[in-house]
N, C-alpha and C. Protein backbone atom coordinates (compact mmCIF):
# COMPACT_ATOMS: atom_id res chain seq x y z
N UNK A 1 1.09 -1.20 0.14
CA UNK A 1 -0.07 -0.05 -0.12
C UNK A 1 0.92 1.16 -0.35
N UNK A 2 0.12 2.36 -0.79
CA UNK A 2 1.12 3.56 -0.69
C UNK A 2 0.55 4.74 0.17
N UNK A 3 0.78 5.79 0.64
CA UNK A 3 -0.05 6.41 1.23
C UNK A 3 0.65 7.81 0.21
N UNK A 4 -0.93 8.99 -0.35
CA UNK A 4 -0.48 9.77 -0.99
C UNK A 4 -1.31 11.03 -0.62
N UNK A 5 -0.24 11.76 -0.58
CA UNK A 5 -0.13 13.19 0.30
C UNK A 5 -0.81 14.33 -1.10
N UNK A 6 -1.42 15.27 -0.40
CA UNK A 6 -1.84 16.10 -1.59
C UNK A 6 -2.33 17.09 -0.85
N UNK A 7 -2.08 18.48 -1.07
CA UNK A 7 -2.71 19.60 -0.13
C UNK A 7 -3.00 19.38 1.62
N UNK A 8 -2.16 18.93 1.90
CA UNK A 8 -2.07 18.93 3.17
C UNK A 8 -2.90 17.50 4.04
N UNK A 9 -3.29 16.79 2.78
CA UNK A 9 -4.06 15.88 3.22
C UNK A 9 -3.22 14.59 2.70
N UNK A 10 -3.73 13.02 3.73
CA UNK A 10 -2.97 12.22 2.65
C UNK A 10 -4.27 11.08 2.86
N UNK A 11 -3.91 9.89 2.03
CA UNK A 11 -4.81 8.59 2.13
C UNK A 11 -3.95 7.75 1.66
N UNK A 12 -4.32 6.15 1.83
CA UNK A 12 -3.56 5.04 1.89
C UNK A 12 -4.75 4.42 0.56
N UNK A 13 -4.03 3.74 -0.43
CA UNK A 13 -4.65 3.29 -1.22
C UNK A 13 -3.48 2.05 -1.89
N UNK A 14 -3.87 1.25 -2.82
CA UNK A 14 -3.17 0.29 -3.41
C UNK A 14 -1.96 0.92 -4.16
N UNK A 15 -0.55 -0.14 -4.02
CA UNK A 15 0.45 0.69 -5.09
C UNK A 15 -0.03 1.20 -6.45
N UNK A 16 -0.77 -0.01 -7.15
CA UNK A 16 -1.06 -0.09 -8.47
C UNK A 16 -2.15 1.77 -8.59
N UNK A 17 -3.10 1.95 -7.53
CA UNK A 17 -4.21 3.07 -7.74
C UNK A 17 -2.72 4.28 -7.65
N UNK A 18 -1.78 4.56 -6.40
CA UNK A 18 -0.98 5.59 -6.63
C UNK A 18 0.11 5.51 -7.74
N UNK A 19 0.60 4.71 -8.28
CA UNK A 19 1.05 4.78 -9.07
C UNK A 19 0.53 5.66 -10.30
N UNK A 20 -0.82 4.52 -10.69
CA UNK A 20 -1.26 5.07 -11.50
C UNK A 20 -2.06 6.54 -11.42
N UNK A 21 -2.35 6.99 -10.77
CA UNK A 21 -2.66 8.24 -10.33
C UNK A 21 -1.19 9.54 -10.59
N UNK A 22 -0.38 9.11 -10.23
CA UNK A 22 0.92 10.03 -10.27
C UNK A 22 1.22 10.01 -11.74
N UNK A 23 1.20 8.97 -12.28
CA UNK A 23 1.65 9.06 -13.83
C UNK A 23 0.66 9.48 -14.76
N UNK A 24 -0.73 9.34 -14.19
CA UNK A 24 -1.76 10.05 -15.05
C UNK A 24 -1.20 11.74 -14.94
N UNK A 25 -0.80 12.22 -13.41
CA UNK A 25 -0.71 13.61 -13.42
C UNK A 25 0.47 13.94 -14.54
N UNK A 26 1.43 13.02 -14.72
CA UNK A 26 2.49 13.34 -15.25
C UNK A 26 2.66 13.82 -16.60
N UNK A 27 1.58 12.78 -17.03
CA UNK A 27 1.08 12.93 -18.58
C UNK A 27 0.18 14.10 -18.85
N UNK A 28 -0.47 14.49 -18.19
CA UNK A 28 -1.10 15.91 -18.40
C UNK A 28 -0.46 16.88 -18.74
N UNK A 29 -1.27 17.03 -20.00
CA UNK A 29 0.10 18.41 -21.31
C UNK A 29 -0.49 19.64 -20.32
N UNK A 30 0.75 20.48 -20.85
CA UNK A 30 0.60 22.36 -20.17
C UNK A 30 -0.85 22.61 -20.58
N UNK A 31 -1.49 23.42 -19.79
CA UNK A 31 -2.47 23.89 -19.96
C UNK A 31 -3.89 23.31 -20.04
N UNK A 32 -3.18 21.83 -19.77
CA UNK A 32 -4.79 20.93 -19.33
C UNK A 32 -5.46 21.22 -18.15
N UNK A 33 -6.79 20.97 -17.98
CA UNK A 33 -7.86 21.35 -17.18
C UNK A 33 -7.77 20.75 -15.84
N UNK A 34 -8.22 20.60 -15.04
CA UNK A 34 -7.97 19.53 -13.67
C UNK A 34 -9.26 19.11 -14.12
N UNK A 35 -8.95 17.49 -13.20
CA UNK A 35 -10.18 16.76 -13.38
C UNK A 35 -10.11 15.60 -12.14
N UNK A 36 -11.35 15.68 -11.87
CA UNK A 36 -11.67 14.90 -11.13
C UNK A 36 -11.67 13.13 -10.84
N UNK A 37 -11.24 12.72 -9.62
CA UNK A 37 -10.93 11.52 -9.75
C UNK A 37 -11.26 10.80 -8.45
N UNK A 38 -12.13 9.53 -8.20
CA UNK A 38 -12.32 8.65 -7.22
C UNK A 38 -11.79 7.70 -6.93
N UNK A 39 -10.95 7.51 -5.86
CA UNK A 39 -9.97 6.66 -5.80
C UNK A 39 -10.55 5.68 -4.45
N UNK A 40 -10.62 4.46 -4.48
CA UNK A 40 -11.06 3.64 -3.47
C UNK A 40 -9.57 3.84 -2.20
N UNK A 41 -10.14 3.92 -0.83
CA UNK A 41 -8.77 4.35 -0.25
C UNK A 41 -9.27 3.29 1.16
N UNK A 42 -7.93 3.64 1.92
CA UNK A 42 -8.14 3.09 3.76
C UNK A 42 -8.00 4.44 4.78
N UNK A 43 -9.16 4.12 5.42
CA UNK A 43 -8.88 5.16 6.68
C UNK A 43 -8.08 4.48 7.48
N UNK A 44 -7.97 5.44 8.51
CA UNK A 44 -7.00 5.41 10.15
C UNK A 44 -7.71 4.23 10.55
N UNK A 45 -9.37 3.40 10.78
CA UNK A 45 -9.48 2.51 11.09
C UNK A 45 -9.21 0.92 10.49
N UNK A 46 -8.68 1.33 9.37
CA UNK A 46 -8.85 0.23 8.19
C UNK A 46 -9.96 -0.06 7.39
N UNK A 47 -11.06 0.72 7.43
CA UNK A 47 -12.06 0.81 6.86
C UNK A 47 -12.07 1.26 5.06
N UNK A 48 -12.56 0.95 4.36
CA UNK A 48 -12.79 1.11 3.13
C UNK A 48 -13.55 2.83 3.20
N UNK A 49 -12.83 3.71 2.03
CA UNK A 49 -13.56 4.62 2.04
C UNK A 49 -13.35 5.12 0.02
N UNK A 50 -14.15 6.00 -0.05
CA UNK A 50 -13.56 6.88 -1.46
C UNK A 50 -13.27 7.71 -1.17
N UNK A 51 -11.90 8.19 -1.64
CA UNK A 51 -11.38 9.71 -2.10
C UNK A 51 -11.99 10.06 -3.57
N UNK A 52 -11.96 11.56 -3.17
CA UNK A 52 -12.15 12.58 -4.74
C UNK A 52 -10.87 13.00 -4.34
N UNK A 53 -10.04 13.11 -5.75
CA UNK A 53 -9.26 14.05 -5.79
C UNK A 53 -9.45 15.08 -7.01
N UNK A 54 -9.00 16.13 -6.72
CA UNK A 54 -8.97 16.88 -8.31
C UNK A 54 -7.41 17.53 -8.58
N UNK A 55 -6.78 16.97 -9.67
CA UNK A 55 -5.64 17.22 -9.86
C UNK A 55 -5.53 17.40 -11.42
N UNK A 56 -4.50 18.47 -11.85
CA UNK A 56 -4.08 18.96 -12.71
C UNK A 56 -2.70 18.73 -13.04
N UNK A 57 -2.33 19.35 -14.37
CA UNK A 57 -0.76 19.40 -14.48
C UNK A 57 0.07 19.85 -13.66
N UNK A 58 -0.27 20.95 -13.04
CA UNK A 58 0.66 21.30 -11.46
C UNK A 58 0.57 20.65 -10.42
N UNK A 59 -0.30 19.98 -10.59
CA UNK A 59 -0.51 18.64 -8.54
C UNK A 59 0.90 18.57 -8.22
N UNK A 60 1.11 18.59 -6.81
CA UNK A 60 2.48 18.32 -6.15
C UNK A 60 1.73 17.01 -5.30
N UNK A 61 1.75 15.63 -6.14
CA UNK A 61 1.61 14.83 -5.18
C UNK A 61 2.91 13.99 -4.65
N UNK A 62 2.93 13.46 -3.54
CA UNK A 62 3.97 12.50 -3.42
C UNK A 62 3.16 11.46 -2.83
N UNK A 63 4.08 9.84 -3.12
CA UNK A 63 3.14 8.33 -2.37
C UNK A 63 4.87 7.80 -2.09
N UNK A 64 4.58 7.19 -0.84
CA UNK A 64 5.07 6.68 -0.22
C UNK A 64 5.06 5.35 0.30
N UNK A 65 5.67 4.17 0.47
CA UNK A 65 5.12 2.94 0.75
C UNK A 65 4.50 3.11 2.33
N UNK A 66 3.78 2.07 2.32
CA UNK A 66 3.32 2.40 4.20
C UNK A 66 2.80 0.92 4.22
N UNK A 67 3.71 0.26 5.50
CA UNK A 67 2.90 -0.95 5.51
C UNK A 67 1.16 -0.69 6.45
N UNK A 68 0.34 -1.71 6.28
CA UNK A 68 -0.84 -1.57 6.96
C UNK A 68 -1.24 -2.97 6.99
N UNK A 69 -2.24 -3.16 8.20
CA UNK A 69 -2.44 -4.30 8.72
C UNK A 69 -4.17 -4.45 8.14
N UNK A 70 -4.66 -3.35 7.50
CA UNK A 70 -5.84 -2.79 6.36
C UNK A 70 -6.14 -3.68 5.62
N UNK A 71 -7.00 -4.37 5.32
CA UNK A 71 -7.09 -4.92 4.06
C UNK A 71 -7.04 -4.29 2.50
N UNK A 72 -6.64 -4.63 1.34
CA UNK A 72 -6.36 -3.66 0.32
C UNK A 72 -7.73 -3.30 -0.16
N UNK A 73 -7.96 -2.12 -0.42
CA UNK A 73 -9.57 -2.21 -1.08
C UNK A 73 -9.22 -2.85 -2.94
N UNK A 74 -10.82 -2.52 -3.58
CA UNK A 74 -10.39 -3.38 -4.71
C UNK A 74 -9.95 -1.82 -6.00
N UNK A 75 -9.23 -2.15 -6.09
CA UNK A 75 -8.86 -0.56 -7.41
C UNK A 75 -8.57 -1.40 -8.58
N UNK A 76 -8.75 -2.41 -8.79
CA UNK A 76 -8.43 -2.77 -10.15
C UNK A 76 -9.47 -1.98 -11.49
N UNK A 77 -10.50 -1.70 -11.49
CA UNK A 77 -11.48 -0.66 -12.12
C UNK A 77 -10.58 0.68 -12.31
N UNK A 78 -10.45 0.92 -11.22
CA UNK A 78 -10.10 2.43 -11.07
C UNK A 78 -8.49 2.78 -11.54
N UNK A 79 -7.86 1.80 -11.05
CA UNK A 79 -6.21 1.51 -11.91
C UNK A 79 -6.35 1.30 -13.53
N UNK A 80 -7.53 0.58 -13.77
CA UNK A 80 -7.43 0.83 -15.53
C UNK A 80 -8.24 1.80 -16.11
N UNK A 81 -8.91 2.79 -15.14
CA UNK A 81 -9.61 3.66 -16.03
C UNK A 81 -8.26 4.91 -16.17
N UNK A 82 -7.68 4.89 -15.12
CA UNK A 82 -6.63 5.63 -14.60
C UNK A 82 -5.26 5.75 -15.87
N UNK A 83 -5.14 4.16 -16.14
CA UNK A 83 -3.88 4.06 -17.48
C UNK A 83 -4.79 4.36 -18.82
N UNK A 84 -5.86 4.33 -19.01
CA UNK A 84 -6.61 4.28 -20.10
C UNK A 84 -6.86 5.71 -20.09
N UNK A 85 -7.05 6.60 -19.55
CA UNK A 85 -7.06 7.96 -19.06
C UNK A 85 -6.20 8.03 -19.65
N UNK A 86 -4.81 8.13 -19.04
CA UNK A 86 -3.27 8.16 -19.27
C UNK A 86 -3.10 7.83 -21.02
N UNK A 87 -3.27 6.74 -21.55
CA UNK A 87 -3.18 6.20 -22.91
C UNK A 87 -3.82 7.45 -23.85
N UNK A 88 -5.01 7.66 -23.28
CA UNK A 88 -5.75 8.20 -24.10
C UNK A 88 -5.55 9.95 -24.30
N UNK A 89 -4.33 10.57 -23.30
CA UNK A 89 -3.72 11.85 -23.39
C UNK A 89 -2.58 11.59 -24.10
N UNK A 90 -1.95 10.23 -24.30
CA UNK A 90 -0.84 10.44 -24.84
C UNK A 90 -0.79 9.52 -26.20
N UNK A 91 -1.78 9.50 -26.54
CA UNK A 91 -2.15 8.50 -27.61
C UNK A 91 -1.61 9.69 -29.04
N UNK A 92 -1.12 9.35 -29.63
CA UNK A 92 -0.90 10.17 -30.84
C UNK A 92 -1.91 10.37 -32.24
N UNK A 93 -2.54 11.35 -32.45
CA UNK A 93 -3.65 11.13 -33.45
C UNK A 93 -3.35 11.98 -34.84
N UNK A 94 -3.85 11.10 -35.75
CA UNK A 94 -3.69 11.08 -36.79
C UNK A 94 -4.81 11.24 -37.61
N UNK A 95 -5.77 12.44 -38.02
CA UNK A 95 -6.90 12.48 -38.84
C UNK A 95 -6.84 12.54 -40.20
N UNK A 96 -7.55 12.32 -40.71
CA UNK A 96 -7.91 12.72 -42.16
C UNK A 96 -8.69 13.77 -42.13
N UNK A 97 -8.52 14.76 -43.06
CA UNK A 97 -9.24 15.68 -43.77
C UNK A 97 -10.50 16.02 -42.97
N UNK A 98 -11.52 14.62 -43.68
CA UNK A 98 -12.97 14.72 -43.53
C UNK A 98 -13.14 14.10 -42.22
N UNK A 99 -12.08 13.71 -41.25
CA UNK A 99 -12.40 13.31 -39.64
C UNK A 99 -12.17 14.40 -39.24
N UNK A 100 -11.40 15.00 -39.30
CA UNK A 100 -11.27 16.65 -38.72
C UNK A 100 -12.32 17.67 -39.13
N UNK A 101 -12.57 17.58 -40.35
CA UNK A 101 -13.91 18.37 -40.38
C UNK A 101 -15.14 17.71 -39.38
N UNK A 102 -15.35 16.66 -39.84
CA UNK A 102 -16.44 16.31 -38.83
C UNK A 102 -16.27 16.33 -37.41
N UNK A 103 -15.37 16.44 -36.59
CA UNK A 103 -14.96 16.55 -35.47
C UNK A 103 -15.06 17.79 -35.19
N UNK A 104 -14.68 19.12 -36.22
CA UNK A 104 -14.61 20.59 -35.90
C UNK A 104 -16.27 21.44 -35.89
N UNK A 105 -17.02 20.00 -37.11
CA UNK A 105 -18.74 20.66 -37.01
C UNK A 105 -19.17 20.31 -35.67
N UNK A 106 -19.09 19.16 -34.82
CA UNK A 106 -19.88 19.27 -33.68
C UNK A 106 -18.77 20.12 -32.41
N UNK A 107 -17.67 20.18 -32.67
CA UNK A 107 -16.97 20.99 -31.54
C UNK A 107 -16.60 20.14 -30.46
N UNK A 108 -16.00 19.05 -31.20
CA UNK A 108 -15.50 17.56 -30.01
C UNK A 108 -14.09 17.96 -29.99
N UNK A 109 -13.56 17.48 -29.11
CA UNK A 109 -12.20 17.63 -28.69
C UNK A 109 -11.18 16.54 -28.96
N UNK A 110 -10.50 16.65 -30.30
CA UNK A 110 -9.89 15.43 -30.36
C UNK A 110 -8.85 15.08 -29.80
N UNK A 111 -8.41 15.49 -28.91
CA UNK A 111 -7.52 14.99 -27.78
C UNK A 111 -7.93 13.72 -27.42
N UNK A 112 -8.98 13.38 -27.46
CA UNK A 112 -10.14 12.13 -26.05
C UNK A 112 -10.39 11.15 -27.16
N UNK A 113 -10.13 11.47 -28.40
CA UNK A 113 -10.62 10.41 -29.50
C UNK A 113 -9.70 9.19 -29.29
N UNK A 114 -9.38 8.22 -29.56
CA UNK A 114 -8.92 6.76 -29.64
C UNK A 114 -9.38 6.32 -31.05
């Protein structure tokens, strides 16, 4: 498990969730808006909880390994989502002229299209 600290608070989550969150923040391009994520975590009593984190390109998070007797929360879906989000941000997009016109017509942001 890892303790993630941000804005003077911290929470305990799985290694995978902590690593994926930090990797995603690093992948944010400059000028990217902040995003809200919900992460399964464990409170000081060992009970599962959900932590809401707003992060953006300038977010300064720290992750530190920590031993815990609490059971690990199920973060498989969360880790998969964070990793997919990171791939979406870093995937190079090459559009044909007609595809670009289609997206422009509807005002869609092509950065998020796979």
